[in-house]
N, C-alpha and C. Protein backbone atom coordinates (compact mmCIF):
# COMPACT_ATOMS: atom_id res chain seq x y z
N MET A 1 99.11 115.93 112.28
CA MET A 1 98.11 116.00 111.06
C MET A 1 99.01 116.78 109.96
N LYS A 2 99.70 117.92 110.49
CA LYS A 2 100.65 118.72 109.70
C LYS A 2 101.71 117.65 108.91
N LYS A 3 102.21 116.83 109.74
CA LYS A 3 103.09 115.82 109.41
C LYS A 3 102.63 114.99 108.21
N ILE A 4 101.39 114.47 108.41
CA ILE A 4 100.89 113.40 107.34
C ILE A 4 100.38 114.32 106.13
N LEU A 5 99.97 115.51 106.29
CA LEU A 5 99.74 116.32 105.00
C LEU A 5 100.96 116.63 104.20
N PHE A 6 101.94 116.91 104.88
CA PHE A 6 103.41 117.16 104.38
C PHE A 6 103.88 116.03 103.52
N LEU A 7 103.73 114.86 104.11
CA LEU A 7 104.16 113.66 103.38
C LEU A 7 103.33 113.18 102.35
N ILE A 8 102.13 113.64 102.42
CA ILE A 8 101.13 113.34 101.32
C ILE A 8 101.45 114.08 100.09
N VAL A 9 101.85 115.36 100.38
CA VAL A 9 102.23 116.26 99.28
C VAL A 9 103.57 115.62 98.59
N LEU A 10 104.38 115.16 99.47
CA LEU A 10 105.69 114.68 98.88
C LEU A 10 105.36 113.41 98.02
N SER A 11 104.34 112.66 98.30
CA SER A 11 104.09 111.49 97.63
C SER A 11 103.51 111.93 96.21
N PHE A 12 102.80 112.96 96.11
CA PHE A 12 102.47 113.45 94.72
C PHE A 12 103.59 114.03 94.09
N ALA A 13 104.57 114.37 94.70
CA ALA A 13 105.60 115.09 93.99
C ALA A 13 106.60 114.13 93.42
N ILE A 14 106.39 112.77 93.84
CA ILE A 14 107.33 111.69 93.22
C ILE A 14 106.62 111.13 92.04
N PHE A 15 107.01 111.58 90.90
CA PHE A 15 106.38 111.06 89.54
C PHE A 15 107.17 109.90 88.98
N VAL A 16 107.27 108.68 89.42
CA VAL A 16 108.14 107.66 88.76
C VAL A 16 107.11 106.45 88.83
N SER A 17 107.50 105.52 87.96
CA SER A 17 106.76 104.24 87.82
C SER A 17 107.37 103.27 88.85
N CYS A 18 106.63 102.60 89.49
CA CYS A 18 107.02 101.83 90.76
C CYS A 18 107.28 100.43 90.10
N ASP A 19 108.24 100.28 89.32
CA ASP A 19 108.76 98.86 88.93
C ASP A 19 109.75 98.47 89.93
N ASP A 20 110.18 97.22 89.66
CA ASP A 20 111.13 96.74 90.63
C ASP A 20 112.33 97.40 90.64
N GLU A 21 112.92 97.99 89.55
CA GLU A 21 114.37 98.62 89.53
C GLU A 21 114.11 99.92 90.35
N ASN A 22 113.02 100.70 90.20
CA ASN A 22 112.64 101.87 90.97
C ASN A 22 112.63 101.62 92.48
N ILE A 23 111.98 100.51 92.80
CA ILE A 23 111.85 100.23 94.22
C ILE A 23 113.03 99.85 94.85
N LEU A 24 113.91 98.99 94.19
CA LEU A 24 115.27 98.89 94.64
C LEU A 24 116.09 99.99 94.79
N GLN A 25 116.21 101.04 93.81
CA GLN A 25 116.98 102.34 93.79
C GLN A 25 116.36 103.23 95.00
N SER A 26 115.13 103.07 95.44
CA SER A 26 114.54 104.06 96.49
C SER A 26 114.65 103.50 97.85
N LEU A 27 115.24 102.38 98.17
CA LEU A 27 115.52 101.74 99.42
C LEU A 27 116.69 102.37 100.05
N PHE A 28 116.73 102.99 101.25
CA PHE A 28 117.78 103.60 101.92
C PHE A 28 117.98 103.23 103.28
N THR A 29 119.22 103.10 103.77
CA THR A 29 119.46 103.10 105.26
C THR A 29 119.71 104.27 105.76
N ALA A 30 119.94 104.67 107.06
CA ALA A 30 120.13 105.80 107.75
C ALA A 30 121.32 106.66 107.17
N LYS A 31 122.43 105.83 107.14
CA LYS A 31 123.63 106.51 106.81
C LYS A 31 123.82 107.00 105.41
N GLU A 32 122.89 106.45 104.43
CA GLU A 32 123.17 106.69 103.09
C GLU A 32 122.97 107.85 102.62
N ASN A 33 121.96 108.67 103.27
CA ASN A 33 121.70 109.96 102.83
C ASN A 33 122.35 111.24 103.72
N VAL A 34 123.22 110.85 104.45
CA VAL A 34 123.80 111.89 105.46
C VAL A 34 124.43 112.94 104.61
N ASN A 35 125.33 112.49 103.60
CA ASN A 35 126.14 113.43 102.86
C ASN A 35 125.24 114.31 102.06
N PRO A 36 124.33 113.88 101.28
CA PRO A 36 123.13 114.67 100.54
C PRO A 36 122.51 115.69 101.51
N VAL A 37 122.28 115.21 102.62
CA VAL A 37 121.34 116.14 103.60
C VAL A 37 122.37 117.26 103.94
N LEU A 38 123.67 117.03 104.34
CA LEU A 38 124.51 118.16 104.68
C LEU A 38 124.71 119.07 103.50
N SER A 39 124.82 118.47 102.22
CA SER A 39 124.89 119.49 101.11
C SER A 39 123.91 120.51 101.02
N ALA A 40 122.60 119.76 101.18
CA ALA A 40 121.46 120.54 101.04
C ALA A 40 121.29 121.68 102.16
N ALA A 41 121.80 121.27 103.49
CA ALA A 41 121.62 122.15 104.50
C ALA A 41 122.74 123.31 104.67
N ALA A 42 123.76 123.10 103.72
CA ALA A 42 124.77 124.27 103.69
C ALA A 42 123.99 125.47 103.23
N SER A 43 122.93 125.51 102.41
CA SER A 43 122.23 126.85 102.08
C SER A 43 121.60 127.52 103.19
N TRP A 44 121.34 126.61 104.30
CA TRP A 44 120.80 127.06 105.56
C TRP A 44 121.91 127.89 106.43
N SER A 45 122.94 126.96 106.51
CA SER A 45 123.99 127.45 107.33
C SER A 45 125.40 126.81 106.79
N SER A 46 126.26 127.65 106.70
CA SER A 46 127.61 127.11 106.31
C SER A 46 128.24 126.17 107.07
N ASP A 47 127.94 126.09 108.50
CA ASP A 47 128.40 125.33 109.50
C ASP A 47 127.49 124.15 109.86
N ALA A 48 126.59 123.88 109.08
CA ALA A 48 125.60 122.75 109.21
C ALA A 48 126.27 121.40 109.57
N LYS A 49 126.00 120.75 110.59
CA LYS A 49 126.52 119.43 110.94
C LYS A 49 125.31 118.38 111.28
N LEU A 50 125.65 117.20 111.12
CA LEU A 50 124.60 116.23 111.70
C LEU A 50 124.34 116.24 113.09
N ALA A 51 123.14 116.35 113.58
CA ALA A 51 122.93 116.31 115.12
C ALA A 51 122.24 115.06 115.33
N GLY A 52 121.40 114.47 114.39
CA GLY A 52 120.78 113.15 114.75
C GLY A 52 119.86 112.67 113.50
N ILE A 53 119.42 111.45 113.61
CA ILE A 53 118.52 111.01 112.62
C ILE A 53 117.32 110.35 113.34
N TYR A 54 116.26 110.59 112.84
CA TYR A 54 114.87 110.09 113.34
C TYR A 54 114.28 109.18 112.51
N GLY A 55 114.34 107.86 112.60
CA GLY A 55 113.77 107.00 111.75
C GLY A 55 112.27 106.65 112.02
N TRP A 56 111.10 106.94 111.16
CA TRP A 56 109.88 106.85 111.55
C TRP A 56 109.29 105.73 110.80
N ASN A 57 108.67 104.72 111.52
CA ASN A 57 108.08 103.44 110.91
C ASN A 57 109.12 102.73 110.04
N ILE A 58 110.26 102.45 110.68
CA ILE A 58 111.28 101.75 109.81
C ILE A 58 110.93 100.15 109.69
N SER A 59 111.36 99.78 108.63
CA SER A 59 111.06 98.21 108.19
C SER A 59 112.03 97.42 109.06
N THR A 60 111.79 96.28 109.18
CA THR A 60 112.74 95.32 110.00
C THR A 60 114.04 95.09 109.41
N ASP A 61 114.23 95.45 108.22
CA ASP A 61 115.73 95.43 107.65
C ASP A 61 116.28 96.77 107.73
N GLY A 62 115.78 97.63 108.51
CA GLY A 62 116.38 98.95 108.72
C GLY A 62 116.56 99.97 107.73
N LYS A 63 115.49 99.90 106.79
CA LYS A 63 115.36 100.72 105.53
C LYS A 63 113.96 101.41 105.42
N VAL A 64 114.18 102.46 104.56
CA VAL A 64 112.77 103.10 104.35
C VAL A 64 112.80 103.15 102.77
N ASN A 65 111.57 103.15 102.21
CA ASN A 65 111.27 103.24 100.74
C ASN A 65 110.87 104.69 100.36
N LEU A 66 111.81 105.52 99.64
CA LEU A 66 111.47 106.92 99.42
C LEU A 66 110.21 107.14 98.54
N LEU A 67 109.86 105.89 97.85
CA LEU A 67 108.70 105.98 97.05
C LEU A 67 107.47 105.93 97.86
N SER A 68 107.58 105.85 99.25
CA SER A 68 106.40 105.77 100.08
C SER A 68 106.52 106.64 101.24
N PRO A 69 106.72 107.88 101.15
CA PRO A 69 107.00 108.94 102.23
C PRO A 69 105.74 109.14 103.13
N THR A 70 104.65 108.60 102.79
CA THR A 70 103.36 108.87 103.74
C THR A 70 103.34 107.62 104.82
N THR A 71 104.27 106.58 104.65
CA THR A 71 104.22 105.55 105.42
C THR A 71 105.73 105.36 106.31
N ASN A 72 106.88 105.81 105.71
CA ASN A 72 108.07 105.72 106.29
C ASN A 72 109.11 106.99 106.06
N ALA A 73 110.00 107.13 106.88
CA ALA A 73 110.84 108.16 106.57
C ALA A 73 112.09 108.14 107.55
N PHE A 74 113.26 108.60 107.00
CA PHE A 74 114.48 109.12 107.95
C PHE A 74 114.22 110.67 107.75
N VAL A 75 114.36 111.15 109.00
CA VAL A 75 114.25 112.65 109.08
C VAL A 75 115.62 113.05 109.77
N TYR A 76 116.30 113.84 109.09
CA TYR A 76 117.78 114.12 109.45
C TYR A 76 117.73 115.49 110.29
N ILE A 77 118.19 115.48 111.49
CA ILE A 77 118.41 116.60 112.38
C ILE A 77 119.70 117.36 112.14
N VAL A 78 119.82 118.57 111.67
CA VAL A 78 120.89 119.44 111.36
C VAL A 78 121.07 120.47 112.36
N GLN A 79 122.56 120.60 112.91
CA GLN A 79 122.72 121.76 113.92
C GLN A 79 123.65 122.68 113.31
N SER A 80 123.57 123.93 113.78
CA SER A 80 124.56 124.93 113.42
C SER A 80 125.00 125.77 114.71
N ASP A 81 126.20 125.75 114.92
CA ASP A 81 126.69 126.72 116.03
C ASP A 81 126.55 128.11 115.89
N SER A 82 126.68 128.62 114.51
CA SER A 82 126.45 130.06 114.39
C SER A 82 125.06 130.51 114.56
N LYS A 83 124.08 129.53 114.26
CA LYS A 83 122.62 129.91 114.45
C LYS A 83 122.00 129.60 115.90
N GLY A 84 122.61 128.51 116.38
CA GLY A 84 122.45 127.88 117.69
C GLY A 84 120.88 127.26 117.71
N SER A 85 120.66 126.59 116.38
CA SER A 85 119.39 126.01 116.37
C SER A 85 119.50 124.92 115.56
N ASN A 86 118.30 124.18 115.28
CA ASN A 86 118.23 123.05 114.36
C ASN A 86 117.35 123.18 113.10
N GLU A 87 117.72 122.48 112.15
CA GLU A 87 116.58 122.23 111.10
C GLU A 87 116.59 120.72 110.67
N PHE A 88 115.55 120.42 110.09
CA PHE A 88 115.05 118.99 109.76
C PHE A 88 114.74 118.87 108.21
N TYR A 89 115.41 117.64 107.89
CA TYR A 89 115.41 117.58 106.41
C TYR A 89 114.98 116.00 106.08
N VAL A 90 114.18 115.73 104.97
CA VAL A 90 113.71 114.56 104.57
C VAL A 90 114.22 114.23 103.24
N PRO A 91 114.84 113.11 102.89
CA PRO A 91 115.11 113.09 101.54
C PRO A 91 113.72 112.55 100.69
N VAL A 92 113.90 113.07 99.38
CA VAL A 92 112.67 112.77 98.48
C VAL A 92 113.13 112.15 97.24
N TYR A 93 112.64 111.00 96.75
CA TYR A 93 113.16 110.15 95.55
C TYR A 93 113.22 111.13 94.49
N ALA A 94 114.50 110.99 93.92
CA ALA A 94 114.72 111.59 92.62
C ALA A 94 114.83 113.24 92.70
N ALA A 95 114.81 113.77 93.92
CA ALA A 95 114.51 115.25 94.21
C ALA A 95 115.51 115.60 95.04
N GLY A 96 116.11 114.94 95.83
CA GLY A 96 117.08 115.39 97.02
C GLY A 96 116.29 115.56 98.34
N PRO A 97 117.08 115.89 99.17
CA PRO A 97 116.54 116.28 100.54
C PRO A 97 115.73 117.63 100.56
N VAL A 98 114.68 117.79 101.32
CA VAL A 98 113.99 118.99 101.45
C VAL A 98 113.79 119.26 102.97
N LYS A 99 113.51 120.42 103.35
CA LYS A 99 113.17 120.84 104.73
C LYS A 99 111.84 120.15 105.09
N SER A 100 111.86 119.72 106.46
CA SER A 100 110.71 118.84 106.86
C SER A 100 110.09 119.52 107.97
N PRO A 101 108.58 119.64 108.11
CA PRO A 101 108.03 120.18 109.37
C PRO A 101 108.13 119.16 110.54
N ILE A 102 108.51 118.08 110.35
CA ILE A 102 108.68 117.15 111.41
C ILE A 102 109.69 117.61 112.40
N ASN A 103 109.35 117.77 113.70
CA ASN A 103 110.38 118.30 114.77
C ASN A 103 110.33 117.56 115.87
N PHE A 104 111.04 118.19 116.90
CA PHE A 104 111.16 117.26 118.14
C PHE A 104 109.82 117.00 118.69
N THR A 105 108.86 117.90 118.63
CA THR A 105 107.58 117.62 119.23
C THR A 105 106.77 116.72 118.62
N THR A 106 106.97 116.51 117.26
CA THR A 106 106.38 115.34 116.57
C THR A 106 106.94 114.20 117.00
N MET A 107 108.35 114.00 117.23
CA MET A 107 109.13 112.93 117.43
C MET A 107 108.71 112.43 119.01
N LEU A 108 108.51 113.31 119.87
CA LEU A 108 108.26 112.91 121.19
C LEU A 108 106.70 112.43 121.36
N GLY A 109 105.94 112.82 120.47
CA GLY A 109 104.47 112.71 120.32
C GLY A 109 104.41 111.10 120.20
N TYR A 110 105.19 110.29 119.61
CA TYR A 110 104.99 108.82 119.53
C TYR A 110 105.49 107.99 120.60
N ILE A 111 106.25 108.77 121.62
CA ILE A 111 106.72 107.95 122.78
C ILE A 111 105.65 107.89 123.87
N GLN A 112 105.12 106.61 124.26
CA GLN A 112 104.08 106.74 125.30
C GLN A 112 104.67 106.71 126.58
N ASP A 113 105.98 106.04 126.83
CA ASP A 113 106.49 105.73 128.11
C ASP A 113 107.23 107.11 128.60
N PRO A 114 106.82 107.56 129.71
CA PRO A 114 107.23 108.64 130.32
C PRO A 114 108.73 108.83 130.63
N THR A 115 109.32 107.65 131.06
CA THR A 115 110.66 107.63 131.19
C THR A 115 111.56 108.02 130.14
N ALA A 116 111.26 107.24 129.11
CA ALA A 116 111.95 107.30 127.63
C ALA A 116 111.64 108.67 127.21
N LYS A 117 110.51 109.15 127.09
CA LYS A 117 110.20 110.46 126.78
C LYS A 117 110.90 111.65 127.50
N GLY A 118 110.98 111.46 128.68
CA GLY A 118 111.95 112.39 129.45
C GLY A 118 113.36 112.50 129.14
N ILE A 119 113.96 111.23 128.82
CA ILE A 119 115.30 111.07 128.41
C ILE A 119 115.46 111.82 127.05
N LEU A 120 114.63 111.42 126.05
CA LEU A 120 114.56 111.95 124.83
C LEU A 120 114.54 113.50 124.78
N SER A 121 113.43 113.96 125.55
CA SER A 121 113.44 115.42 125.86
C SER A 121 114.67 116.11 126.08
N THR A 122 115.21 115.58 127.04
CA THR A 122 116.47 116.10 127.57
C THR A 122 117.61 116.31 126.60
N ILE A 123 117.76 115.07 125.80
CA ILE A 123 118.65 114.90 124.67
C ILE A 123 118.44 115.90 123.68
N PHE A 124 117.08 115.98 123.14
CA PHE A 124 116.63 117.02 122.04
C PHE A 124 117.07 118.49 122.54
N GLY A 125 116.81 118.83 123.80
CA GLY A 125 117.16 120.04 124.09
C GLY A 125 118.53 120.38 124.21
N ALA A 126 119.45 119.55 123.97
CA ALA A 126 120.88 119.55 123.83
C ALA A 126 121.42 119.75 122.32
N LEU A 127 120.55 119.49 121.45
CA LEU A 127 121.01 119.34 120.22
C LEU A 127 121.13 120.56 119.19
N ALA A 128 120.77 121.80 119.91
CA ALA A 128 120.84 123.07 119.21
C ALA A 128 122.56 123.36 119.35
N THR A 129 123.16 122.88 120.29
CA THR A 129 124.54 123.06 120.42
C THR A 129 125.40 121.74 120.46
N THR A 130 124.98 120.67 120.08
CA THR A 130 125.59 119.43 120.10
C THR A 130 125.39 118.88 118.78
N ASN A 131 126.55 118.08 118.05
CA ASN A 131 126.34 117.38 116.92
C ASN A 131 127.05 116.18 117.00
N ILE A 132 126.89 115.13 116.05
CA ILE A 132 127.65 114.12 115.91
C ILE A 132 128.97 114.33 115.02
N ASN A 133 130.05 114.05 115.75
CA ASN A 133 131.35 114.33 115.22
C ASN A 133 131.60 113.69 113.69
N SER A 134 132.09 114.33 112.80
CA SER A 134 132.04 113.71 111.47
C SER A 134 132.91 112.35 111.52
N SER A 135 133.76 112.26 112.51
CA SER A 135 134.70 110.88 112.53
C SER A 135 133.94 109.90 113.72
N ALA A 136 132.77 110.08 114.05
CA ALA A 136 132.10 109.40 115.20
C ALA A 136 131.82 108.05 114.63
N THR A 137 132.14 107.03 115.40
CA THR A 137 131.68 105.70 114.94
C THR A 137 130.22 105.36 115.38
N TYR A 138 129.45 104.71 114.43
CA TYR A 138 128.29 104.34 114.85
C TYR A 138 127.82 103.29 113.71
N HIS A 139 126.84 102.29 114.14
CA HIS A 139 126.30 101.38 113.15
C HIS A 139 125.31 101.92 112.39
N ASP A 140 125.24 101.36 111.06
CA ASP A 140 124.03 101.78 110.35
C ASP A 140 122.64 101.13 110.86
N SER A 141 121.44 101.79 110.47
CA SER A 141 120.34 101.17 110.93
C SER A 141 120.11 99.66 110.54
N PRO A 142 120.43 99.09 109.65
CA PRO A 142 120.11 97.47 109.35
C PRO A 142 120.89 96.67 110.57
N ALA A 143 122.15 97.07 110.78
CA ALA A 143 122.93 96.36 111.80
C ALA A 143 122.16 96.41 113.11
N VAL A 144 121.73 97.72 113.55
CA VAL A 144 121.31 97.88 114.89
C VAL A 144 119.89 97.15 115.09
N LEU A 145 118.91 97.10 113.91
CA LEU A 145 117.92 96.17 114.14
C LEU A 145 118.10 94.77 113.94
N THR A 146 119.03 94.28 113.31
CA THR A 146 119.42 92.85 113.55
C THR A 146 119.89 92.43 114.89
N THR A 147 120.53 93.30 115.64
CA THR A 147 120.77 93.16 116.91
C THR A 147 119.67 93.11 117.92
N MET A 148 118.68 94.19 117.61
CA MET A 148 117.59 94.51 118.35
C MET A 148 116.59 93.23 118.41
N LEU A 149 116.32 92.86 117.08
CA LEU A 149 115.34 91.78 116.76
C LEU A 149 115.62 90.48 117.20
N ALA A 150 117.00 90.26 117.62
CA ALA A 150 117.25 88.99 118.00
C ALA A 150 117.17 88.81 119.58
N ARG A 151 116.81 89.93 120.29
CA ARG A 151 116.51 89.80 121.69
C ARG A 151 115.19 89.25 122.01
N SER A 152 115.09 88.55 123.23
CA SER A 152 113.97 87.94 123.63
C SER A 152 112.87 88.85 124.08
N ASP A 153 113.18 90.11 124.65
CA ASP A 153 112.31 90.99 125.15
C ASP A 153 111.58 91.71 123.85
N VAL A 154 112.33 91.79 122.79
CA VAL A 154 111.86 92.40 121.69
C VAL A 154 110.87 91.43 121.10
N SER A 155 111.20 90.14 120.79
CA SER A 155 110.45 89.19 120.43
C SER A 155 109.14 88.89 121.08
N THR A 156 109.17 89.01 122.29
CA THR A 156 108.14 88.80 123.11
C THR A 156 107.07 90.10 123.03
N PHE A 157 107.86 91.23 122.98
CA PHE A 157 106.88 92.37 122.71
C PHE A 157 106.04 92.49 121.34
N ARG A 158 106.85 92.07 120.22
CA ARG A 158 106.31 92.20 118.91
C ARG A 158 105.29 90.99 118.74
N SER A 159 105.50 89.88 119.38
CA SER A 159 104.46 88.79 119.39
C SER A 159 103.17 89.13 120.11
N SER A 160 103.30 89.99 121.17
CA SER A 160 102.09 90.17 122.08
C SER A 160 101.40 91.44 121.65
N HIS A 161 102.14 92.21 120.66
CA HIS A 161 101.47 93.41 120.16
C HIS A 161 101.53 93.45 118.67
N SER A 162 100.42 92.92 118.05
CA SER A 162 100.46 92.72 116.48
C SER A 162 100.49 94.06 115.97
N GLY A 163 101.23 94.31 114.84
CA GLY A 163 101.12 95.48 114.15
C GLY A 163 102.04 96.54 114.74
N SER A 164 102.94 96.07 115.75
CA SER A 164 103.73 97.10 116.46
C SER A 164 104.74 97.83 115.42
N LYS A 165 105.14 99.00 115.53
CA LYS A 165 105.94 99.78 114.60
C LYS A 165 107.40 99.97 115.25
N ILE A 166 108.40 100.40 114.43
CA ILE A 166 109.55 100.61 114.96
C ILE A 166 110.02 102.05 114.44
N ASP A 167 110.45 102.83 115.58
CA ASP A 167 111.06 104.12 115.29
C ASP A 167 112.49 104.13 115.91
N MET A 168 113.20 104.84 115.31
CA MET A 168 114.90 104.87 115.64
C MET A 168 115.40 106.27 115.75
N PHE A 169 116.23 106.42 116.75
CA PHE A 169 116.83 107.60 116.85
C PHE A 169 118.35 107.55 116.96
N LEU A 170 119.09 108.02 116.10
CA LEU A 170 120.54 108.23 116.13
C LEU A 170 120.86 109.63 116.79
N LEU A 171 121.60 109.46 117.87
CA LEU A 171 122.00 110.65 118.65
C LEU A 171 123.44 110.79 119.09
N PRO A 172 124.05 111.87 119.23
CA PRO A 172 125.43 112.02 119.70
C PRO A 172 125.55 111.32 121.10
N SER A 173 126.49 110.47 121.20
CA SER A 173 126.58 109.89 122.50
C SER A 173 126.79 110.87 123.96
N ALA A 174 127.60 112.10 123.35
CA ALA A 174 127.96 112.95 124.37
C ALA A 174 126.66 113.70 125.10
N ALA A 175 125.59 113.64 124.09
CA ALA A 175 124.39 114.29 124.59
C ALA A 175 123.53 113.56 125.21
N ILE A 176 123.66 112.21 125.46
CA ILE A 176 122.89 111.16 126.14
C ILE A 176 123.24 111.08 127.53
N SER A 177 121.99 111.18 128.33
CA SER A 177 122.27 111.22 129.90
C SER A 177 121.40 110.15 130.29
N ILE A 178 121.97 109.03 130.60
CA ILE A 178 121.29 107.74 131.23
C ILE A 178 122.15 107.41 132.19
N PRO A 179 121.53 106.96 133.47
CA PRO A 179 122.11 106.55 134.68
C PRO A 179 123.21 105.29 134.26
N GLY A 180 124.49 105.60 134.67
CA GLY A 180 125.28 104.37 134.45
C GLY A 180 126.08 104.51 133.06
N VAL A 181 125.69 105.58 132.22
CA VAL A 181 126.12 105.68 130.95
C VAL A 181 126.96 106.91 130.88
N ILE A 182 128.37 106.91 130.42
CA ILE A 182 129.18 108.18 130.23
C ILE A 182 129.24 108.29 128.75
N GLY A 183 128.69 109.51 128.30
CA GLY A 183 128.74 109.72 126.97
C GLY A 183 130.10 110.20 126.23
N ASN A 184 130.55 109.77 125.04
CA ASN A 184 131.75 109.68 124.51
C ASN A 184 131.62 110.46 123.03
N SER A 185 132.21 111.60 122.92
CA SER A 185 132.08 112.31 121.63
C SER A 185 132.62 111.62 120.48
N SER A 186 133.34 110.51 120.70
CA SER A 186 133.63 109.61 119.58
C SER A 186 132.89 108.64 119.04
N TYR A 187 131.53 108.64 119.60
CA TYR A 187 130.45 107.72 119.08
C TYR A 187 129.17 108.46 119.09
N ALA A 188 128.32 107.69 118.35
CA ALA A 188 126.91 108.13 118.26
C ALA A 188 126.00 106.88 118.45
N ASP A 189 125.02 106.81 119.22
CA ASP A 189 124.31 105.81 119.85
C ASP A 189 122.83 105.75 119.24
N TRP A 190 122.13 104.59 119.30
CA TRP A 190 120.89 104.44 118.67
C TRP A 190 119.86 104.21 119.94
N ILE A 191 118.74 104.84 120.07
CA ILE A 191 117.62 104.45 120.82
C ILE A 191 116.54 104.06 119.86
N VAL A 192 115.96 102.76 120.05
CA VAL A 192 115.04 102.09 119.33
C VAL A 192 113.59 101.95 120.04
N HIS A 193 112.83 102.39 119.45
CA HIS A 193 111.42 102.39 119.98
C HIS A 193 110.32 101.61 119.21
N PHE A 194 109.90 100.24 119.87
CA PHE A 194 109.00 99.40 119.40
C PHE A 194 107.56 99.71 120.08
N TYR A 195 106.51 100.15 119.25
CA TYR A 195 105.36 100.59 119.96
C TYR A 195 104.24 100.34 119.25
N THR A 196 103.00 100.42 119.97
CA THR A 196 101.70 100.38 119.35
C THR A 196 100.93 101.78 119.86
N ASP A 197 99.72 102.01 119.61
CA ASP A 197 99.15 103.29 120.03
C ASP A 197 99.19 103.31 121.63
N SER A 198 99.39 102.26 122.39
CA SER A 198 99.33 102.36 123.78
C SER A 198 100.23 101.73 124.58
N ASN A 199 101.34 101.00 123.80
CA ASN A 199 102.26 100.29 124.58
C ASN A 199 103.73 100.68 123.82
N SER A 200 104.80 100.59 124.83
CA SER A 200 106.11 100.99 124.28
C SER A 200 107.10 99.97 124.76
N LEU A 201 108.21 99.63 124.00
CA LEU A 201 109.46 99.00 124.40
C LEU A 201 110.42 99.89 123.90
N VAL A 202 111.22 100.45 124.72
CA VAL A 202 112.40 101.63 124.28
C VAL A 202 113.75 101.09 124.76
N LEU A 203 114.65 100.74 123.72
CA LEU A 203 116.07 100.27 124.36
C LEU A 203 116.94 101.23 123.71
N TYR A 204 118.05 101.31 124.36
CA TYR A 204 119.34 102.14 124.12
C TYR A 204 120.45 101.28 123.68
N TYR A 205 121.03 101.47 122.73
CA TYR A 205 122.38 100.65 122.05
C TYR A 205 123.60 101.64 122.26
N ASN A 206 124.25 101.23 123.26
CA ASN A 206 125.67 101.99 123.41
C ASN A 206 126.82 101.30 122.57
N ARG A 207 127.08 102.40 121.52
CA ARG A 207 128.07 101.71 120.43
C ARG A 207 129.51 101.44 121.15
N GLN A 208 129.94 102.34 122.09
CA GLN A 208 131.31 102.23 122.54
C GLN A 208 131.44 100.75 123.20
N PHE A 209 130.46 100.31 124.10
CA PHE A 209 130.61 99.15 124.64
C PHE A 209 129.76 98.04 124.20
N GLY A 210 128.92 98.31 123.23
CA GLY A 210 128.31 97.38 122.68
C GLY A 210 127.08 96.84 123.47
N THR A 211 126.71 97.49 124.52
CA THR A 211 125.53 97.06 125.44
C THR A 211 124.35 97.85 125.20
N ILE A 212 123.23 97.13 125.52
CA ILE A 212 121.90 97.42 125.36
C ILE A 212 121.21 97.67 126.77
N ILE A 213 120.44 98.76 126.86
CA ILE A 213 119.86 99.17 128.11
C ILE A 213 118.51 99.44 127.94
N LYS A 214 117.40 98.96 128.75
CA LYS A 214 116.12 99.14 128.43
C LYS A 214 115.81 100.43 129.15
N ILE A 215 115.37 101.47 128.52
CA ILE A 215 114.96 102.54 129.24
C ILE A 215 113.41 102.95 129.37
N SER A 216 112.69 102.07 128.92
CA SER A 216 111.29 102.25 129.23
C SER A 216 110.97 101.42 130.41
N LEU A 217 109.49 101.78 130.97
CA LEU A 217 109.22 101.12 132.43
C LEU A 217 108.92 99.77 132.17
C-alpha cells in the first residue's frame, strides 16, 4: 500500500500535457536513467554506485512511461561502501530521480515461486557491499525482453495466463548464486519474472555466456 500511495503522489507531481511528443519523451529503458540516478545519489553518499535495477510492470518493449508512475517504474538500487547500505531511486518525468520507498521487501513480495524468492533474497542480502562495476557489460531492457519473449515457455505461460505482468531485475553477476553458474564481476545479469497473482515463470539470463536458465519450479 505504501508503494502505491507513493506512486499516486508522484503522478500528481507530474504536471504536463499528455500529448504524443510528451509521451515519446517520457519512455525510458533501464540504462537510460543510470547516470541521472547516480548524480542524484551523490548527495546521499559520495561513493554511490549502481547495485541493481528493478523494473516493475515493464512493457513488452522493455520500457516504462514516466508519465504513468502508478502503473510502471524502474527503481534503481544504489550501494555505498562507506555506508554499507542501499538507497532506492525512481525517476520522475521533468523532475529527475527521487528517493523511493520501494525496497527489497516490496520486490520480493511479488515473487510467488519459493525457489526464485530464495535466490533473490540471497542476492539482495549481498547488495549492501556489492555493486555493478561501471565497466560491466550488460544488455538494456528491450534487448533482454526480445530474447525472452521469443522463447516457447514464455509464450506458453503468457497464453495460459491472460493479463500476466513482467518484472525485471538487473543484478551484479558476482552476487548471483545459482547452481552451475560462476559469477563474473565483468558482467551484470537479468532475472525476468512473468507472473499473475498466483503463478510465476522466472528466468535468469547470463550475459557472459548468453544462456537462459529457468529458476522457478
